[in-house]
Amino acid sequence: MQGTQTNGQQLLTARQVQGMLGIDRSTVYRMAEDGRLPALKIGRQWRFPPEQIERVLVIAGDEPGDSGDRVGIPAGIATAVISVAADLLGVMMVVTDMAGQPVTGVANPCPWFAARASDPASVEACVTEWQLLADNLEFEPQFKTGLLGFECARAYIRSGTSLVGMVLAGGLAPAGNDSTELYQLDDGQRARVLAALPKIATALSRAMQRGYPERVSSDR
């Protein structure tokens, strides 16, 4: 397979990115189109800078963005990471601070949330549930059914020994609920989400420490 070079850099094809991320090619194209993956349009073909794709995979830092977030991770990095993870895991995801206030948008929203995303009362109800998850200091991620009727789980993001934020995965239908507005996952898929959440949170914590040491040290 012959690649394309830009500024002396060999670019990846959609097929190569598909293999790296473990997603189908239509998802690669969709994520390139809406900006969730760094990509260049060369003629009618998408090409992907390898170093930037690797950053998405290992979350090893990026150029600072004007995020204004309250966790310490630029919103661009956090959004790129949860967008890929949410698609791979089949859940909706969001990063919040320790008060449950979102610092990214909701990635891969379930139909229930998508239909209510413009309703302030519904969004506030979600934030209230995220606050409850923050207050429940269980360190092992577990799915819990909230007052809104769907399941969520979370893992903490750390700065040193301090808890500074959360990665939440949700929009799941509880057992026995066959609603088409919520995501339906089997036991194996649920276990995969619970295993992935701490890894995502740890990677975001490392991104903050590697990319922004001055900011982390000034907060201590």
Protein backbone atom coordinates (compact mmCIF):
# COMPACT_ATOMS: atom_id res chain seq x y z
CA MET A 1 0.00 0.00 0.00
CA GLN A 2 1.51 3.30 -1.08
CA GLY A 3 1.07 6.18 1.33
CA THR A 4 1.13 9.93 0.89
CA GLN A 5 3.81 12.29 2.11
CA THR A 6 3.31 15.83 3.41
CA ASN A 7 6.30 17.83 4.59
CA GLY A 8 8.33 14.64 4.39
CA GLN A 9 5.91 12.78 6.68
CA GLN A 10 4.32 9.52 5.60
CA LEU A 11 0.58 9.83 6.19
CA LEU A 12 -1.69 6.99 7.21
CA THR A 13 -4.57 5.70 5.12
CA ALA A 14 -8.08 5.18 6.46
CA ARG A 15 -7.47 1.42 6.35
CA GLN A 16 -4.39 1.78 8.56
CA VAL A 17 -6.24 3.98 11.06
CA GLN A 18 -9.10 1.48 11.05
CA GLY A 19 -6.67 -1.24 12.13
CA MET A 20 -5.03 0.94 14.79
CA LEU A 21 -8.30 1.98 16.42
CA GLY A 22 -10.24 -1.24 15.86
CA ILE A 23 -13.26 0.52 14.32
CA ASP A 24 -14.91 0.15 10.92
CA ARG A 25 -13.86 2.40 8.09
CA SER A 26 -17.15 4.28 7.92
CA THR A 27 -16.55 5.39 11.53
CA VAL A 28 -13.03 6.54 10.61
CA TYR A 29 -14.47 8.65 7.77
CA ARG A 30 -17.22 10.05 10.00
CA MET A 31 -14.77 11.01 12.74
CA ALA A 32 -12.45 12.63 10.20
CA GLU A 33 -15.36 14.56 8.71
CA ASP A 34 -16.55 15.99 12.01
CA GLY A 35 -13.08 16.71 13.36
CA ARG A 36 -12.84 14.03 16.04
CA LEU A 37 -9.76 12.59 14.31
CA PRO A 38 -6.93 14.76 12.95
CA ALA A 39 -7.03 14.31 9.17
CA LEU A 40 -6.23 15.91 5.81
CA LYS A 41 -8.39 15.71 2.69
CA ILE A 42 -6.15 15.02 -0.30
CA GLY A 43 -8.31 14.91 -3.39
CA ARG A 44 -11.18 12.64 -2.41
CA GLN A 45 -9.14 10.63 0.09
CA TRP A 46 -8.62 11.15 3.81
CA ARG A 47 -5.06 10.90 5.11
CA PHE A 48 -4.00 10.94 8.76
CA PRO A 49 -0.81 12.30 10.41
CA PRO A 50 0.63 9.29 12.29
CA GLU A 51 2.01 11.26 15.23
CA GLN A 52 -1.37 12.84 15.93
CA ILE A 53 -3.20 9.53 15.68
CA GLU A 54 -0.70 8.05 18.14
CA ARG A 55 -1.43 10.96 20.50
CA VAL A 56 -5.09 10.01 20.43
CA LEU A 57 -4.19 6.40 21.21
CA VAL A 58 -1.76 7.03 24.06
CA ILE A 59 -2.93 10.52 25.01
CA ALA A 60 0.65 11.70 25.28
CA GLY A 61 0.01 15.41 25.01
CA ASP A 62 -0.91 18.10 22.46
CA GLU A 63 -0.45 21.81 21.86
CA PRO A 64 -2.22 23.87 24.55
CA GLY A 65 -5.74 24.89 23.74
CA ASP A 66 -7.84 27.71 25.16
CA SER A 67 -9.99 25.31 27.13
CA GLY A 68 -10.75 27.22 30.33
CA ASP A 69 -11.61 23.89 31.93
CA ARG A 70 -11.51 23.23 35.64
CA VAL A 71 -9.71 19.88 35.59
CA GLY A 72 -6.36 20.87 34.07
CA ILE A 73 -6.62 18.94 30.80
CA PRO A 74 -7.22 20.99 27.65
CA ALA A 75 -10.73 20.31 26.41
CA GLY A 76 -9.41 19.42 22.95
CA ILE A 77 -7.41 16.47 24.28
CA ALA A 78 -10.18 15.24 26.56
CA THR A 79 -12.78 15.55 23.80
CA ALA A 80 -10.63 13.66 21.28
CA VAL A 81 -10.02 10.84 23.75
CA ILE A 82 -13.60 10.33 24.90
CA SER A 83 -14.93 10.66 21.34
CA VAL A 84 -12.82 7.70 20.22
CA ALA A 85 -13.47 5.72 23.42
CA ALA A 86 -17.23 6.29 23.37
CA ASP A 87 -17.49 5.04 19.79
CA LEU A 88 -15.35 2.00 20.52
CA LEU A 89 -17.22 1.07 23.71
CA GLY A 90 -20.76 1.89 22.55
CA VAL A 91 -21.60 4.29 25.39
CA MET A 92 -21.92 8.03 25.85
CA MET A 93 -19.06 9.68 27.72
CA VAL A 94 -18.26 13.01 29.33
CA VAL A 95 -15.44 14.48 31.43
CA THR A 96 -16.49 16.50 34.48
CA ASP A 97 -14.85 18.27 37.38
CA MET A 98 -15.33 16.97 40.92
CA ALA A 99 -18.56 18.96 41.29
CA GLY A 100 -20.06 17.04 38.37
CA GLN A 101 -19.89 20.06 36.06
CA PRO A 102 -18.99 19.00 32.49
CA VAL A 103 -15.72 20.25 31.00
CA THR A 104 -16.33 18.52 27.64
CA GLY A 105 -19.41 17.92 25.59
CA VAL A 106 -21.16 14.57 25.76
CA ALA A 107 -19.58 12.20 23.24
CA ASN A 108 -21.72 9.63 21.41
CA PRO A 109 -24.96 10.63 23.21
CA CYS A 110 -27.66 8.00 23.47
CA PRO A 111 -30.99 8.87 21.77
CA TRP A 112 -32.53 9.74 25.16
CA PHE A 113 -29.88 12.39 25.85
CA ALA A 114 -29.69 13.63 22.26
CA ALA A 115 -33.42 14.38 22.29
CA ARG A 116 -33.09 16.40 25.51
CA ALA A 117 -29.67 18.05 25.07
CA SER A 118 -31.26 21.45 24.43
CA ASP A 119 -33.53 21.22 27.50
CA PRO A 120 -31.80 22.97 30.46
CA ALA A 121 -33.85 21.03 33.02
CA SER A 122 -32.79 17.66 31.58
CA VAL A 123 -29.15 18.70 31.38
CA GLU A 124 -29.29 19.96 34.97
CA ALA A 125 -30.80 16.63 36.05
CA CYS A 126 -27.84 14.86 34.43
CA VAL A 127 -25.38 17.17 36.21
CA THR A 128 -27.11 16.38 39.52
CA GLU A 129 -26.57 12.67 38.90
CA TRP A 130 -22.93 13.29 38.00
CA GLN A 131 -22.55 15.17 41.30
CA LEU A 132 -23.90 12.14 43.15
CA LEU A 133 -21.34 9.94 41.40
CA ALA A 134 -18.58 12.33 42.48
CA ASP A 135 -19.75 12.17 46.09
CA ASN A 136 -19.74 8.35 46.14
CA LEU A 137 -16.05 7.65 46.76
CA GLU A 138 -15.95 4.06 45.53
CA PHE A 139 -12.76 3.70 43.53
CA GLU A 140 -13.79 0.61 41.58
CA PRO A 141 -16.05 1.64 38.66
CA GLN A 142 -19.56 0.22 38.91
CA PHE A 143 -22.71 0.80 36.91
CA LYS A 144 -25.44 2.47 38.94
CA THR A 145 -28.98 3.30 37.88
CA GLY A 146 -29.78 6.94 38.51
CA LEU A 147 -33.02 8.80 38.97
CA LEU A 148 -33.26 9.36 35.21
CA GLY A 149 -33.55 5.63 34.62
CA PHE A 150 -30.26 4.79 32.91
CA GLU A 151 -26.96 3.45 34.16
CA CYS A 152 -23.67 5.31 34.52
CA ALA A 153 -20.20 4.45 35.79
CA ARG A 154 -17.21 6.66 36.46
CA ALA A 155 -13.47 6.68 37.11
CA TYR A 156 -11.49 9.47 38.75
CA ILE A 157 -8.88 11.70 37.12
CA ARG A 158 -6.00 12.55 39.44
CA SER A 159 -3.42 15.27 39.78
CA GLY A 160 -0.78 13.80 42.08
CA THR A 161 -2.72 12.55 45.10
CA SER A 162 -5.71 14.82 44.47
CA LEU A 163 -8.91 13.85 42.66
CA VAL A 164 -9.61 16.59 40.11
CA GLY A 165 -12.25 15.16 37.78
CA MET A 166 -14.12 12.17 36.42
CA VAL A 167 -14.62 10.25 33.21
CA LEU A 168 -18.22 9.05 33.02
CA ALA A 169 -19.72 6.39 30.78
CA GLY A 170 -23.50 6.16 30.63
CA GLY A 171 -26.69 6.05 28.68
CA LEU A 172 -27.05 2.31 29.33
CA ALA A 173 -30.35 0.52 29.76
CA PRO A 174 -30.67 -1.35 33.07
CA ALA A 175 -31.31 -5.09 32.98
CA GLY A 176 -34.82 -5.81 31.70
CA ASN A 177 -35.20 -2.41 30.06
CA ASP A 178 -35.36 -2.80 26.27
CA SER A 179 -35.75 0.92 25.48
CA THR A 180 -34.44 1.93 22.07
CA GLU A 181 -33.53 5.33 23.55
CA LEU A 182 -30.75 3.77 25.64
CA TYR A 183 -27.69 1.71 24.76
CA GLN A 184 -28.08 -2.03 25.15
CA LEU A 185 -24.86 -3.81 26.20
CA ASP A 186 -24.37 -7.46 27.10
CA ASP A 187 -22.35 -8.59 30.13
CA GLY A 188 -19.12 -8.82 28.17
CA GLN A 189 -19.52 -5.33 26.73
CA ARG A 190 -20.30 -3.92 30.17
CA ALA A 191 -17.19 -5.55 31.60
CA ARG A 192 -15.15 -4.03 28.78
CA VAL A 193 -16.44 -0.53 29.66
CA LEU A 194 -15.65 -0.97 33.36
CA ALA A 195 -12.15 -2.21 32.54
CA ALA A 196 -11.51 0.67 30.13
CA LEU A 197 -12.67 3.54 32.36
CA PRO A 198 -9.69 3.52 34.79
CA LYS A 199 -7.28 3.29 31.85
CA ILE A 200 -8.88 6.30 30.17
CA ALA A 201 -8.81 8.28 33.43
CA THR A 202 -5.16 7.35 34.04
CA ALA A 203 -4.18 8.34 30.51
CA LEU A 204 -5.89 11.73 30.92
CA SER A 205 -4.10 12.21 34.23
CA ARG A 206 -0.77 11.51 32.54
CA ALA A 207 -1.61 13.87 29.68
CA MET A 208 -2.18 16.64 32.20
CA GLN A 209 1.09 15.93 34.03
CA ARG A 210 3.22 15.55 30.89
CA GLY A 211 1.80 18.38 28.85
CA TYR A 212 1.23 20.99 31.55
CA PRO A 213 3.69 20.52 34.44
CA GLU A 214 3.74 24.22 35.31
CA ARG A 215 -0.01 24.29 35.72
CA VAL A 216 -0.09 21.13 37.83
CA SER A 217 2.70 22.30 40.13
CA SER A 218 1.08 25.72 40.62
CA ASP A 219 -2.14 24.08 41.80
CA ARG A 220 -0.47 22.12 44.59
